[in-house]
Amino acid sequence: MPFTPIFAPRGNTLQAASGDVPDATFDIVAFSGTVLGDKSEDRQVVLLWARAMATQGGVGGSIAEFCRRTRWSRATFDRRRIKACERIAAAKNTT
């Protein structure tokens, strides 16, 4: 919804500012915290990847910058991301 104005009445909850756009019924960001742990390294990897893909690295830095800071290879980053995403998908499929 790139052209839909939104607001956050409380943390991690987005609602459309106009009444003609349906609200999301599932908060994947909050769910990732439930599955992976709010402060876990795996969740940080998933959220960094999602943000980097959405903004082309323009917000919060790029994956390459993260890998340089943590001294991880890109392959390590991708393995961690894939495993974490698989855990989130498996948990979602059981609910």
N, C-alpha and C. Protein backbone atom coordinates (compact mmCIF):
# COMPACT_ATOMS: atom_id res chain seq x y z
N MET A 1 0.83 -1.19 0.00
CA MET A 1 0.00 0.00 0.00
C MET A 1 0.87 1.25 0.00
N PRO A 2 1.69 1.43 -1.00
CA PRO A 2 2.62 2.56 -0.97
C PRO A 2 1.96 3.93 -0.99
N PHE A 3 0.73 4.04 -1.46
CA PHE A 3 0.09 5.35 -1.55
C PHE A 3 -1.04 5.51 -0.54
N THR A 4 -1.15 4.59 0.41
CA THR A 4 -2.19 4.66 1.43
C THR A 4 -1.63 5.29 2.70
N PRO A 5 -2.20 6.39 3.16
CA PRO A 5 -1.72 6.96 4.42
C PRO A 5 -2.08 6.03 5.57
N ILE A 6 -1.14 5.83 6.48
CA ILE A 6 -1.36 4.95 7.62
C ILE A 6 -0.93 5.64 8.90
N PHE A 7 -1.41 5.13 10.01
CA PHE A 7 -0.98 5.64 11.31
C PHE A 7 -0.86 4.46 12.25
N ALA A 8 -0.18 4.64 13.35
CA ALA A 8 0.02 3.57 14.33
C ALA A 8 -0.57 4.00 15.66
N PRO A 9 -1.75 3.49 16.01
CA PRO A 9 -2.35 3.86 17.29
C PRO A 9 -1.57 3.33 18.49
N ARG A 10 -0.83 2.25 18.30
CA ARG A 10 0.08 1.71 19.32
C ARG A 10 1.18 0.97 18.57
N GLY A 11 2.23 0.61 19.26
CA GLY A 11 3.38 -0.02 18.62
C GLY A 11 3.03 -1.25 17.79
N ASN A 12 3.61 -1.36 16.63
CA ASN A 12 3.46 -2.51 15.73
C ASN A 12 2.05 -2.74 15.22
N THR A 13 1.20 -1.73 15.24
CA THR A 13 -0.15 -1.86 14.72
C THR A 13 -0.38 -0.74 13.73
N LEU A 14 -0.62 -1.09 12.48
CA LEU A 14 -0.87 -0.09 11.45
C LEU A 14 -2.32 -0.15 11.03
N GLN A 15 -2.93 0.99 10.84
CA GLN A 15 -4.29 1.07 10.35
C GLN A 15 -4.32 2.10 9.23
N ALA A 16 -5.15 1.82 8.22
CA ALA A 16 -5.31 2.76 7.13
C ALA A 16 -6.01 4.01 7.64
N ALA A 17 -5.54 5.17 7.20
CA ALA A 17 -6.14 6.43 7.62
C ALA A 17 -7.48 6.66 6.93
N SER A 18 -7.65 6.11 5.74
CA SER A 18 -8.94 6.24 5.05
C SER A 18 -9.77 4.99 5.33
N GLY A 19 -11.07 5.15 5.42
CA GLY A 19 -11.94 4.05 5.80
C GLY A 19 -12.18 3.02 4.72
N ASP A 20 -11.78 3.29 3.47
CA ASP A 20 -12.09 2.37 2.38
C ASP A 20 -11.01 1.32 2.13
N VAL A 21 -9.98 1.28 2.96
CA VAL A 21 -8.90 0.31 2.82
C VAL A 21 -8.97 -0.65 4.01
N PRO A 22 -9.06 -1.97 3.74
CA PRO A 22 -9.16 -2.90 4.87
C PRO A 22 -7.86 -2.94 5.68
N ASP A 23 -8.01 -3.14 6.99
CA ASP A 23 -6.85 -3.29 7.87
C ASP A 23 -6.25 -4.68 7.70
N ALA A 24 -4.97 -4.81 7.94
CA ALA A 24 -4.33 -6.12 7.92
C ALA A 24 -4.82 -6.91 9.13
N THR A 25 -5.02 -8.20 8.93
CA THR A 25 -5.53 -9.02 10.02
C THR A 25 -4.42 -9.85 10.67
N PHE A 26 -3.22 -9.82 10.11
CA PHE A 26 -2.13 -10.61 10.66
C PHE A 26 -0.88 -9.75 10.72
N ASP A 27 -0.27 -9.64 11.88
CA ASP A 27 0.92 -8.81 12.07
C ASP A 27 2.16 -9.70 12.04
N ILE A 28 2.75 -9.85 10.87
CA ILE A 28 3.89 -10.75 10.68
C ILE A 28 5.11 -10.27 11.46
N VAL A 29 5.25 -8.96 11.63
CA VAL A 29 6.41 -8.44 12.37
C VAL A 29 6.32 -8.88 13.83
N ALA A 30 5.15 -8.70 14.43
CA ALA A 30 4.98 -9.12 15.82
C ALA A 30 5.10 -10.64 15.94
N PHE A 31 4.54 -11.36 14.97
CA PHE A 31 4.60 -12.82 15.00
C PHE A 31 6.04 -13.32 14.92
N SER A 32 6.87 -12.63 14.15
CA SER A 32 8.28 -13.03 14.06
C SER A 32 8.96 -12.93 15.43
N GLY A 33 8.56 -11.95 16.23
CA GLY A 33 9.09 -11.82 17.58
C GLY A 33 8.63 -12.94 18.48
N THR A 34 7.39 -13.37 18.31
CA THR A 34 6.85 -14.47 19.10
C THR A 34 7.59 -15.77 18.77
N VAL A 35 7.84 -16.01 17.50
CA VAL A 35 8.46 -17.26 17.06
C VAL A 35 9.97 -17.27 17.32
N LEU A 36 10.64 -16.19 16.96
CA LEU A 36 12.10 -16.16 17.01
C LEU A 36 12.66 -15.54 18.29
N GLY A 37 11.82 -14.81 19.01
CA GLY A 37 12.29 -14.05 20.17
C GLY A 37 12.47 -12.60 19.77
N ASP A 38 11.91 -11.70 20.55
CA ASP A 38 11.92 -10.28 20.19
C ASP A 38 13.31 -9.72 19.93
N LYS A 39 14.29 -10.14 20.69
CA LYS A 39 15.64 -9.56 20.58
C LYS A 39 16.65 -10.54 19.97
N SER A 40 16.16 -11.60 19.34
CA SER A 40 17.07 -12.62 18.82
C SER A 40 17.83 -12.14 17.58
N GLU A 41 18.98 -12.71 17.39
CA GLU A 41 19.79 -12.40 16.22
C GLU A 41 19.08 -12.86 14.94
N ASP A 42 18.38 -13.99 15.01
CA ASP A 42 17.65 -14.48 13.84
C ASP A 42 16.57 -13.49 13.41
N ARG A 43 15.85 -12.93 14.37
CA ARG A 43 14.82 -11.95 14.03
C ARG A 43 15.46 -10.69 13.45
N GLN A 44 16.57 -10.28 14.00
CA GLN A 44 17.27 -9.11 13.48
C GLN A 44 17.64 -9.33 12.01
N VAL A 45 18.10 -10.53 11.70
CA VAL A 45 18.48 -10.86 10.32
C VAL A 45 17.27 -10.77 9.39
N VAL A 46 16.15 -11.37 9.82
CA VAL A 46 14.94 -11.35 8.98
C VAL A 46 14.44 -9.93 8.77
N LEU A 47 14.38 -9.14 9.83
CA LEU A 47 13.89 -7.78 9.70
C LEU A 47 14.83 -6.90 8.89
N LEU A 48 16.13 -7.09 9.07
CA LEU A 48 17.09 -6.34 8.26
C LEU A 48 16.93 -6.68 6.79
N TRP A 49 16.80 -7.97 6.50
CA TRP A 49 16.62 -8.40 5.10
C TRP A 49 15.35 -7.79 4.51
N ALA A 50 14.24 -7.86 5.24
CA ALA A 50 12.98 -7.32 4.74
C ALA A 50 13.08 -5.82 4.48
N ARG A 51 13.68 -5.11 5.43
CA ARG A 51 13.83 -3.65 5.27
C ARG A 51 14.74 -3.33 4.09
N ALA A 52 15.84 -4.07 3.96
CA ALA A 52 16.78 -3.83 2.86
C ALA A 52 16.12 -4.10 1.51
N MET A 53 15.30 -5.15 1.43
CA MET A 53 14.61 -5.45 0.18
C MET A 53 13.58 -4.37 -0.15
N ALA A 54 12.89 -3.88 0.87
CA ALA A 54 11.84 -2.88 0.65
C ALA A 54 12.41 -1.51 0.29
N THR A 55 13.59 -1.19 0.83
CA THR A 55 14.14 0.16 0.63
C THR A 55 15.44 0.18 -0.18
N GLN A 56 15.83 -0.97 -0.71
CA GLN A 56 17.10 -1.10 -1.43
C GLN A 56 18.28 -0.63 -0.60
N GLY A 57 18.22 -0.87 0.70
CA GLY A 57 19.31 -0.52 1.60
C GLY A 57 19.34 0.94 2.00
N GLY A 58 18.34 1.70 1.57
CA GLY A 58 18.33 3.13 1.85
C GLY A 58 17.94 3.49 3.28
N VAL A 59 17.33 2.56 4.00
CA VAL A 59 16.92 2.81 5.39
C VAL A 59 17.52 1.72 6.26
N GLY A 60 18.27 2.10 7.26
CA GLY A 60 18.81 1.12 8.18
C GLY A 60 20.03 0.37 7.69
N GLY A 61 20.53 0.72 6.54
CA GLY A 61 21.74 0.09 6.03
C GLY A 61 21.47 -1.13 5.16
N SER A 62 22.51 -1.58 4.53
CA SER A 62 22.40 -2.71 3.62
C SER A 62 22.84 -4.00 4.30
N ILE A 63 22.54 -5.09 3.63
CA ILE A 63 22.97 -6.40 4.12
C ILE A 63 24.49 -6.48 4.11
N ALA A 64 25.11 -5.93 3.10
CA ALA A 64 26.57 -5.95 3.02
C ALA A 64 27.19 -5.22 4.21
N GLU A 65 26.61 -4.08 4.60
CA GLU A 65 27.11 -3.35 5.75
C GLU A 65 26.97 -4.17 7.03
N PHE A 66 25.81 -4.83 7.19
CA PHE A 66 25.59 -5.68 8.36
C PHE A 66 26.62 -6.80 8.40
N CYS A 67 26.86 -7.44 7.26
CA CYS A 67 27.83 -8.54 7.20
C CYS A 67 29.24 -8.06 7.54
N ARG A 68 29.59 -6.86 7.10
CA ARG A 68 30.91 -6.31 7.44
C ARG A 68 31.01 -6.07 8.94
N ARG A 69 29.97 -5.51 9.54
CA ARG A 69 29.98 -5.22 10.98
C ARG A 69 30.05 -6.48 11.82
N THR A 70 29.33 -7.52 11.41
CA THR A 70 29.28 -8.75 12.20
C THR A 70 30.35 -9.76 11.79
N ARG A 71 31.07 -9.44 10.71
CA ARG A 71 32.10 -10.34 10.15
C ARG A 71 31.50 -11.67 9.72
N TRP A 72 30.27 -11.61 9.19
CA TRP A 72 29.62 -12.78 8.62
C TRP A 72 29.82 -12.75 7.11
N SER A 73 29.84 -13.91 6.51
CA SER A 73 29.80 -13.96 5.05
C SER A 73 28.34 -13.77 4.62
N ARG A 74 28.13 -13.41 3.38
CA ARG A 74 26.76 -13.28 2.88
C ARG A 74 26.06 -14.65 2.91
N ALA A 75 26.81 -15.71 2.68
CA ALA A 75 26.21 -17.05 2.73
C ALA A 75 25.70 -17.38 4.13
N THR A 76 26.45 -16.99 5.16
CA THR A 76 26.01 -17.21 6.54
C THR A 76 24.73 -16.42 6.80
N PHE A 77 24.72 -15.16 6.37
CA PHE A 77 23.52 -14.32 6.53
C PHE A 77 22.32 -14.99 5.87
N ASP A 78 22.49 -15.44 4.63
CA ASP A 78 21.38 -16.04 3.90
C ASP A 78 20.91 -17.35 4.52
N ARG A 79 21.83 -18.16 5.01
CA ARG A 79 21.44 -19.41 5.68
C ARG A 79 20.61 -19.10 6.93
N ARG A 80 21.06 -18.14 7.72
CA ARG A 80 20.33 -17.76 8.93
C ARG A 80 18.94 -17.22 8.58
N ARG A 81 18.88 -16.38 7.55
CA ARG A 81 17.60 -15.80 7.13
C ARG A 81 16.63 -16.88 6.67
N ILE A 82 17.11 -17.79 5.84
CA ILE A 82 16.24 -18.85 5.32
C ILE A 82 15.72 -19.73 6.45
N LYS A 83 16.60 -20.13 7.35
CA LYS A 83 16.16 -20.97 8.48
C LYS A 83 15.13 -20.24 9.35
N ALA A 84 15.37 -18.96 9.62
CA ALA A 84 14.44 -18.18 10.43
C ALA A 84 13.10 -18.04 9.73
N CYS A 85 13.11 -17.78 8.43
CA CYS A 85 11.86 -17.67 7.68
C CYS A 85 11.12 -19.00 7.65
N GLU A 86 11.84 -20.10 7.56
CA GLU A 86 11.21 -21.42 7.59
C GLU A 86 10.55 -21.67 8.95
N ARG A 87 11.20 -21.22 10.02
CA ARG A 87 10.61 -21.36 11.36
C ARG A 87 9.33 -20.54 11.48
N ILE A 88 9.34 -19.33 10.96
CA ILE A 88 8.15 -18.48 11.00
C ILE A 88 7.02 -19.12 10.19
N ALA A 89 7.33 -19.61 9.00
CA ALA A 89 6.32 -20.24 8.15
C ALA A 89 5.75 -21.50 8.81
N ALA A 90 6.60 -22.30 9.41
CA ALA A 90 6.13 -23.51 10.07
C ALA A 90 5.21 -23.17 11.24
N ALA A 91 5.58 -22.15 12.00
CA ALA A 91 4.74 -21.75 13.13
C ALA A 91 3.41 -21.21 12.65
N LYS A 92 3.42 -20.43 11.58
CA LYS A 92 2.18 -19.86 11.03
C LYS A 92 1.29 -20.99 10.50
N ASN A 93 1.88 -22.00 9.90
CA ASN A 93 1.09 -23.10 9.34
C ASN A 93 0.48 -24.00 10.40
N THR A 94 0.95 -23.89 11.63
CA THR A 94 0.38 -24.72 12.71
C THR A 94 -0.70 -23.98 13.50
N THR A 95 -0.86 -22.68 13.26
CA THR A 95 -1.87 -21.91 14.00
C THR A 95 -3.18 -21.87 13.26
